[in-house]
PDB file of N, CA and C in Angstrom:
ATOM      1  N   UNK A   1      86.925  90.482 109.344  1.00  0.00           N
ATOM      2  CA  UNK A   1      88.043  89.905 109.658  1.00  0.00           C
ATOM      3  C   UNK A   1      89.198  90.914 109.760  1.00  0.00           C
ATOM      4  N   UNK A   2      89.803  90.907 111.325  1.00  0.00           N
ATOM      5  CA  UNK A   2      90.940  91.847 111.526  1.00  0.00           C
ATOM      6  C   UNK A   2      92.140  91.199 110.859  1.00  0.00           C
ATOM      7  N   UNK A   3      92.848  92.476 110.375  1.00  0.00           N
ATOM      8  CA  UNK A   3      94.032  92.188 109.437  1.00  0.00           C
ATOM      9  C   UNK A   3      95.064  91.933 110.726  1.00  0.00           C
ATOM     10  N   UNK A   4      95.962  91.383 110.222  1.00  0.00           N
ATOM     11  CA  UNK A   4      97.157  90.624 111.274  1.00  0.00           C
ATOM     12  C   UNK A   4      98.301  91.884 111.411  1.00  0.00           C
ATOM     13  N   UNK A   5      98.856  91.817 112.465  1.00  0.00           N
ATOM     14  CA  UNK A   5      99.499  92.840 113.045  1.00  0.00           C
ATOM     15  C   UNK A   5     100.529  93.259 112.159  1.00  0.00           C
ATOM     16  N   UNK A   6     100.709  94.655 112.328  1.00  0.00           N
ATOM     17  CA  UNK A   6     101.762  95.473 111.314  1.00  0.00           C
ATOM     18  C   UNK A   6     102.991  95.211 111.724  1.00  0.00           C
ATOM     19  N   UNK A   7     104.044  94.820 111.258  1.00  0.00           N
ATOM     20  CA  UNK A   7     105.274  94.639 111.764  1.00  0.00           C
ATOM     21  C   UNK A   7     105.853  96.013 112.073  1.00  0.00           C
ATOM     22  N   UNK A   8     105.871  96.971 111.106  1.00  0.00           N
ATOM     23  CA  UNK A   8     106.225  98.266 111.707  1.00  0.00           C
ATOM     24  C   UNK A   8     105.532  98.880 112.950  1.00  0.00           C
ATOM     25  N   UNK A   9     104.307  98.773 112.876  1.00  0.00           N
ATOM     26  CA  UNK A   9     103.830  99.267 114.240  1.00  0.00           C
ATOM     27  C   UNK A   9     104.240  98.422 115.254  1.00  0.00           C
ATOM     28  N   UNK A  10     104.511  97.234 115.203  1.00  0.00           N
ATOM     29  CA  UNK A  10     104.787  96.420 116.535  1.00  0.00           C
ATOM     30  C   UNK A  10     106.388  96.944 116.608  1.00  0.00           C
ATOM     31  N   UNK A  11     107.288  97.258 115.843  1.00  0.00           N
ATOM     32  CA  UNK A  11     108.761  97.697 116.023  1.00  0.00           C
ATOM     33  C   UNK A  11     108.639  98.663 116.821  1.00  0.00           C
ATOM     34  N   UNK A  12     107.781  99.777 115.979  1.00  0.00           N
ATOM     35  CA  UNK A  12     107.725 101.112 116.814  1.00  0.00           C
ATOM     36  C   UNK A  12     107.385 101.246 118.202  1.00  0.00           C
ATOM     37  N   UNK A  13     106.215 100.502 118.359  1.00  0.00           N
ATOM     38  CA  UNK A  13     105.762 100.394 119.814  1.00  0.00           C
ATOM     39  C   UNK A  13     106.577  99.546 120.662  1.00  0.00           C
ATOM     40  N   UNK A  14     107.265  98.437 120.258  1.00  0.00           N
ATOM     41  CA  UNK A  14     108.686  98.210 121.249  1.00  0.00           C
ATOM     42  C   UNK A  14     109.528  99.058 121.584  1.00  0.00           C
ATOM     43  N   UNK A  15     109.829  99.939 120.352  1.00  0.00           N
ATOM     44  CA  UNK A  15     111.081 101.105 120.899  1.00  0.00           C
ATOM     45  C   UNK A  15     110.110 101.997 121.929  1.00  0.00           C
ATOM     46  N   UNK A  16     109.198 102.664 121.434  1.00  0.00           N
ATOM     47  CA  UNK A  16     108.479 103.040 122.831  1.00  0.00           C
ATOM     48  C   UNK A  16     108.470 102.517 124.088  1.00  0.00           C
ATOM     49  N   UNK A  17     108.112 101.284 124.169  1.00  0.00           N
ATOM     50  CA  UNK A  17     108.036 100.326 125.214  1.00  0.00           C
ATOM     51  C   UNK A  17     109.404 100.372 126.159  1.00  0.00           C
ATOM     52  N   UNK A  18     110.517 100.450 125.217  1.00  0.00           N
ATOM     53  CA  UNK A  18     111.788 100.408 126.021  1.00  0.00           C
ATOM     54  C   UNK A  18     112.090 101.730 126.076  1.00  0.00           C
ATOM     55  N   UNK A  19     111.733 102.770 125.534  1.00  0.00           N
ATOM     56  CA  UNK A  19     112.049 104.344 125.971  1.00  0.00           C
ATOM     57  C   UNK A  19     111.348 104.627 127.505  1.00  0.00           C
ATOM     58  N   UNK A  20     110.040 103.896 127.343  1.00  0.00           N
ATOM     59  CA  UNK A  20     109.279 104.132 128.562  1.00  0.00           C
ATOM     60  C   UNK A  20     110.042 103.493 129.818  1.00  0.00           C
ATOM     61  N   UNK A  21     110.739 102.065 129.623  1.00  0.00           N
ATOM     62  CA  UNK A  21     111.605 101.605 130.883  1.00  0.00           C
ATOM     63  C   UNK A  21     112.329 102.270 131.099  1.00  0.00           C
ATOM     64  N   UNK A  22     113.263 102.806 130.201  1.00  0.00           N
ATOM     65  CA  UNK A  22     114.257 103.565 130.041  1.00  0.00           C
ATOM     66  C   UNK A  22     114.139 105.053 130.964  1.00  0.00           C
ATOM     67  N   UNK A  23     113.063 105.476 131.123  1.00  0.00           N
ATOM     68  CA  UNK A  23     112.752 106.693 131.491  1.00  0.00           C
ATOM     69  C   UNK A  23     112.536 107.784 130.605  1.00  0.00           C
ATOM     70  N   UNK A  24     112.646 107.705 129.292  1.00  0.00           N
ATOM     71  CA  UNK A  24     112.761 108.919 128.490  1.00  0.00           C
ATOM     72  C   UNK A  24     111.682 109.764 128.832  1.00  0.00           C
ATOM     73  N   UNK A  25     111.435 110.786 128.659  1.00  0.00           N
ATOM     74  CA  UNK A  25     110.765 112.016 128.912  1.00  0.00           C
ATOM     75  C   UNK A  25     109.417 111.739 127.803  1.00  0.00           C
ATOM     76  N   UNK A  26     108.450 111.653 128.651  1.00  0.00           N
ATOM     77  CA  UNK A  26     106.911 111.420 127.603  1.00  0.00           C
ATOM     78  C   UNK A  26     106.840 110.124 127.059  1.00  0.00           C
ATOM     79  N   UNK A  27     107.706 109.351 127.325  1.00  0.00           N
ATOM     80  CA  UNK A  27     107.654 107.828 126.919  1.00  0.00           C
ATOM     81  C   UNK A  27     106.356 107.059 127.763  1.00  0.00           C
ATOM     82  N   UNK A  28     106.479 107.009 128.978  1.00  0.00           N
ATOM     83  CA  UNK A  28     105.318 106.412 129.875  1.00  0.00           C
ATOM     84  C   UNK A  28     104.149 107.196 129.168  1.00  0.00           C
ATOM     85  N   UNK A  29     104.100 108.335 129.064  1.00  0.00           N
ATOM     86  CA  UNK A  29     102.510 108.824 129.249  1.00  0.00           C
ATOM     87  C   UNK A  29     102.219 108.425 127.533  1.00  0.00           C
ATOM     88  N   UNK A  30     102.874 108.318 126.797  1.00  0.00           N
ATOM     89  CA  UNK A  30     102.586 108.199 125.159  1.00  0.00           C
ATOM     90  C   UNK A  30     102.239 106.670 125.141  1.00  0.00           C
ATOM     91  N   UNK A  31     102.913 105.801 125.956  1.00  0.00           N
ATOM     92  CA  UNK A  31     102.728 104.363 126.013  1.00  0.00           C
ATOM     93  C   UNK A  31     101.453 104.205 126.833  1.00  0.00           C
ATOM     94  N   UNK A  32     101.375 104.669 127.520  1.00  0.00           N
ATOM     95  CA  UNK A  32      99.870 104.756 128.555  1.00  0.00           C
ATOM     96  C   UNK A  32      98.652 104.928 127.459  1.00  0.00           C
ATOM     97  N   UNK A  33      99.118 106.013 126.445  1.00  0.00           N
ATOM     98  CA  UNK A  33      97.868 106.689 125.642  1.00  0.00           C
ATOM     99  C   UNK A  33      97.769 105.599 124.391  1.00  0.00           C
ATOM    100  N   UNK A  34      98.933 105.061 124.037  1.00  0.00           N
ATOM    101  CA  UNK A  34      98.720 103.852 123.148  1.00  0.00           C
ATOM    102  C   UNK A  34      97.849 102.476 123.553  1.00  0.00           C
ATOM    103  N   UNK A  35      98.205 102.218 124.790  1.00  0.00           N
ATOM    104  CA  UNK A  35      97.315 100.988 125.363  1.00  0.00           C
ATOM    105  C   UNK A  35      95.936 101.393 125.736  1.00  0.00           C
ATOM    106  N   UNK A  36      95.581 102.641 126.126  1.00  0.00           N
ATOM    107  CA  UNK A  36      94.237 102.934 126.173  1.00  0.00           C
ATOM    108  C   UNK A  36      93.363 102.687 124.752  1.00  0.00           C
ATOM    109  N   UNK A  37      93.988 103.210 123.662  1.00  0.00           N
ATOM    110  CA  UNK A  37      93.312 103.198 122.376  1.00  0.00           C
ATOM    111  C   UNK A  37      93.838 102.121 121.193  1.00  0.00           C
ATOM    112  N   UNK A  38      94.482 100.995 122.028  1.00  0.00           N
ATOM    113  CA  UNK A  38      94.620  99.962 121.232  1.00  0.00           C
ATOM    114  C   UNK A  38      93.549  99.080 121.054  1.00  0.00           C
ATOM    115  N   UNK A  39      92.824  98.379 121.890  1.00  0.00           N
ATOM    116  CA  UNK A  39      91.686  98.028 121.852  1.00  0.00           C
ATOM    117  C   UNK A  39      90.710  98.367 120.683  1.00  0.00           C
ATOM    118  N   UNK A  40      90.597  99.580 120.493  1.00  0.00           N
ATOM    119  CA  UNK A  40      89.448 100.038 119.705  1.00  0.00           C
ATOM    120  C   UNK A  40      90.144 100.269 118.237  1.00  0.00           C
ATOM    121  N   UNK A  41      91.540 100.467 118.222  1.00  0.00           N
ATOM    122  CA  UNK A  41      92.248 100.359 116.912  1.00  0.00           C
ATOM    123  C   UNK A  41      92.351  98.885 116.152  1.00  0.00           C
ATOM    124  N   UNK A  42      92.405  98.057 117.018  1.00  0.00           N
ATOM    125  CA  UNK A  42      92.482  96.872 116.746  1.00  0.00           C
ATOM    126  C   UNK A  42      91.393  96.242 116.022  1.00  0.00           C
ATOM    127  N   UNK A  43      89.966  96.611 116.785  1.00  0.00           N
ATOM    128  CA  UNK A  43      88.883  96.072 116.414  1.00  0.00           C
ATOM    129  C   UNK A  43      88.463  96.960 115.021  1.00  0.00           C
ATOM    130  N   UNK A  44      89.103  97.987 114.791  1.00  0.00           N
ATOM    131  CA  UNK A  44      88.457  98.733 113.459  1.00  0.00           C
ATOM    132  C   UNK A  44      89.615  98.267 112.385  1.00  0.00           C
ATOM    133  N   UNK A  45      90.772  97.401 112.455  1.00  0.00           N
ATOM    134  CA  UNK A  45      91.787  97.370 111.589  1.00  0.00           C
ATOM    135  C   UNK A  45      91.016  96.323 110.466  1.00  0.00           C
ATOM    136  N   UNK A  46      91.270  96.608 109.450  1.00  0.00           N
ATOM    137  CA  UNK A  46      90.721  95.676 108.210  1.00  0.00           C
ATOM    138  C   UNK A  46      91.974  95.081 107.438  1.00  0.00           C
ATOM    139  N   UNK A  47      91.668  94.320 106.675  1.00  0.00           N
ATOM    140  CA  UNK A  47      92.888  93.756 105.823  1.00  0.00           C
ATOM    141  C   UNK A  47      93.029  94.847 104.338  1.00  0.00           C
ATOM    142  N   UNK A  48      94.332  94.943 104.122  1.00  0.00           N
ATOM    143  CA  UNK A  48      94.389  95.902 103.003  1.00  0.00           C
ATOM    144  C   UNK A  48      94.403  94.912 101.814  1.00  0.00           C
ATOM    145  N   UNK A  49      93.750  95.579 100.632  1.00  0.00           N
ATOM    146  CA  UNK A  49      93.882  94.846  99.471  1.00  0.00           C
ATOM    147  C   UNK A  49      95.305  94.229  99.102  1.00  0.00           C
ATOM    148  N   UNK A  50      95.242  92.964  98.644  1.00  0.00           N
ATOM    149  CA  UNK A  50      96.602  92.237  98.280  1.00  0.00           C
ATOM    150  C   UNK A  50      97.656  93.504  97.455  1.00  0.00           C
ATOM    151  N   UNK A  51      97.190  94.175  96.656  1.00  0.00           N
ATOM    152  CA  UNK A  51      98.117  94.967  95.784  1.00  0.00           C
ATOM    153  C   UNK A  51      98.580  95.934  96.453  1.00  0.00           C
ATOM    154  N   UNK A  52      97.963  96.453  97.366  1.00  0.00           N
ATOM    155  CA  UNK A  52      98.248  97.650  98.444  1.00  0.00           C
ATOM    156  C   UNK A  52      99.308  97.117  99.679  1.00  0.00           C
ATOM    157  N   UNK A  53      98.716  95.968  99.958  1.00  0.00           N
ATOM    158  CA  UNK A  53      99.513  95.338 100.868  1.00  0.00           C
ATOM    159  C   UNK A  53     101.132  94.959 100.192  1.00  0.00           C
ATOM    160  N   UNK A  54     101.102  94.547  99.164  1.00  0.00           N
ATOM    161  CA  UNK A  54     102.318  94.289  98.406  1.00  0.00           C
ATOM    162  C   UNK A  54     103.366  95.480  98.445  1.00  0.00           C
ATOM    163  N   UNK A  55     102.356  96.772  97.986  1.00  0.00           N
ATOM    164  CA  UNK A  55     103.293  97.757  97.579  1.00  0.00           C
ATOM    165  C   UNK A  55     103.757  98.311  99.074  1.00  0.00           C
ATOM    166  N   UNK A  56     102.846  98.194  99.984  1.00  0.00           N
ATOM    167  CA  UNK A  56     103.454  98.853 101.219  1.00  0.00           C
ATOM    168  C   UNK A  56     104.920  97.888 101.726  1.00  0.00           C
ATOM    169  N   UNK A  57     104.602  96.780 101.711  1.00  0.00           N
ATOM    170  CA  UNK A  57     105.862  95.814 101.875  1.00  0.00           C
ATOM    171  C   UNK A  57     106.863  96.390 101.284  1.00  0.00           C
ATOM    172  N   UNK A  58     106.946  96.600  99.830  1.00  0.00           N
ATOM    173  CA  UNK A  58     107.811  97.169  98.919  1.00  0.00           C
ATOM    174  C   UNK A  58     108.650  98.249  99.640  1.00  0.00           C
ATOM    175  N   UNK A  59     107.771  99.288  99.909  1.00  0.00           N
ATOM    176  CA  UNK A  59     108.102 100.577 100.415  1.00  0.00           C
ATOM    177  C   UNK A  59     109.008 100.422 102.039  1.00  0.00           C
ATOM    178  N   UNK A  60     108.453  99.550 102.596  1.00  0.00           N
ATOM    179  CA  UNK A  60     108.921  99.521 104.229  1.00  0.00           C
ATOM    180  C   UNK A  60     110.362  98.827 103.677  1.00  0.00           C
ATOM    181  N   UNK A  61     110.496  97.753 102.793  1.00  0.00           N
ATOM    182  CA  UNK A  61     111.665  97.409 102.750  1.00  0.00           C
ATOM    183  C   UNK A  61     112.977  98.143 102.131  1.00  0.00           C
ATOM    184  N   UNK A  62     112.502  99.309 101.241  1.00  0.00           N
ATOM    185  CA  UNK A  62     113.317  99.978 100.300  1.00  0.00           C
ATOM    186  C   UNK A  62     113.129 101.401 101.391  1.00  0.00           C
ATOM    187  N   UNK A  63     112.800 101.578 102.349  1.00  0.00           N
ATOM    188  CA  UNK A  63     112.738 103.074 102.904  1.00  0.00           C
ATOM    189  C   UNK A  63     114.108 103.341 103.838  1.00  0.00           C
ATOM    190  N   UNK A  64     114.434 104.822 103.713  1.00  0.00           N
ATOM    191  CA  UNK A  64     115.859 104.733 104.295  1.00  0.00           C
ATOM    192  C   UNK A  64     115.523 104.672 105.882  1.00  0.00           C
ATOM    193  N   UNK A  65     116.502 104.272 106.525  1.00  0.00           N
ATOM    194  CA  UNK A  65     116.549 104.101 107.821  1.00  0.00           C
ATOM    195  C   UNK A  65     116.652 105.620 108.731  1.00  0.00           C
ATOM    196  N   UNK A  66     115.715 105.844 109.842  1.00  0.00           N
ATOM    197  CA  UNK A  66     115.645 107.224 110.323  1.00  0.00           C
ATOM    198  C   UNK A  66     116.476 107.394 111.699  1.00  0.00           C
ATOM    199  N   UNK A  67     117.111 108.298 111.607  1.00  0.00           N
ATOM    200  CA  UNK A  67     117.797 108.461 112.802  1.00  0.00           C
ATOM    201  C   UNK A  67     116.824 108.052 114.115  1.00  0.00           C
ATOM    202  N   UNK A  68     117.469 107.582 115.328  1.00  0.00           N
ATOM    203  CA  UNK A  68     116.674 107.339 116.564  1.00  0.00           C
ATOM    204  C   UNK A  68     116.017 108.412 116.994  1.00  0.00           C
ATOM    205  N   UNK A  69     114.540 108.371 117.318  1.00  0.00           N
ATOM    206  CA  UNK A  69     113.969 109.496 117.930  1.00  0.00           C
ATOM    207  C   UNK A  69     113.330 110.415 116.727  1.00  0.00           C
ATOM    208  N   UNK A  70     113.519 110.231 115.548  1.00  0.00           N
ATOM    209  CA  UNK A  70     112.759 110.949 114.465  1.00  0.00           C
ATOM    210  C   UNK A  70     111.245 110.304 113.676  1.00  0.00           C
ATOM    211  N   UNK A  71     110.705 109.355 114.526  1.00  0.00           N
ATOM    212  CA  UNK A  71     109.437 108.944 113.841  1.00  0.00           C
ATOM    213  C   UNK A  71     109.857 107.505 113.594  1.00  0.00           C
ATOM    214  N   UNK A  72     108.329 106.859 113.057  1.00  0.00           N
ATOM    215  CA  UNK A  72     108.659 105.344 112.831  1.00  0.00           C
ATOM    216  C   UNK A  72     109.665 105.072 111.407  1.00  0.00           C
ATOM    217  N   UNK A  73     110.352 104.070 111.728  1.00  0.00           N
ATOM    218  CA  UNK A  73     110.975 103.285 110.822  1.00  0.00           C
ATOM    219  C   UNK A  73     111.531 101.837 111.147  1.00  0.00           C
TER     220      UNK A  73
END
């Protein structure tokens, strides 16, 4: 059974799509590469053990915000 979509990955991908639409350098190519690899990545996703999922969510809630363009946040 595949894991549900990761909210952080969805947010980062949405930002990449917005940057590609706005014509940001390299964003269109990066988005194209994501789309090509997405089916295989989704097929390999597996649910995390509940304790790992809970720890991940806790970290995501308390992670400091990163400035725009400086990686996932």
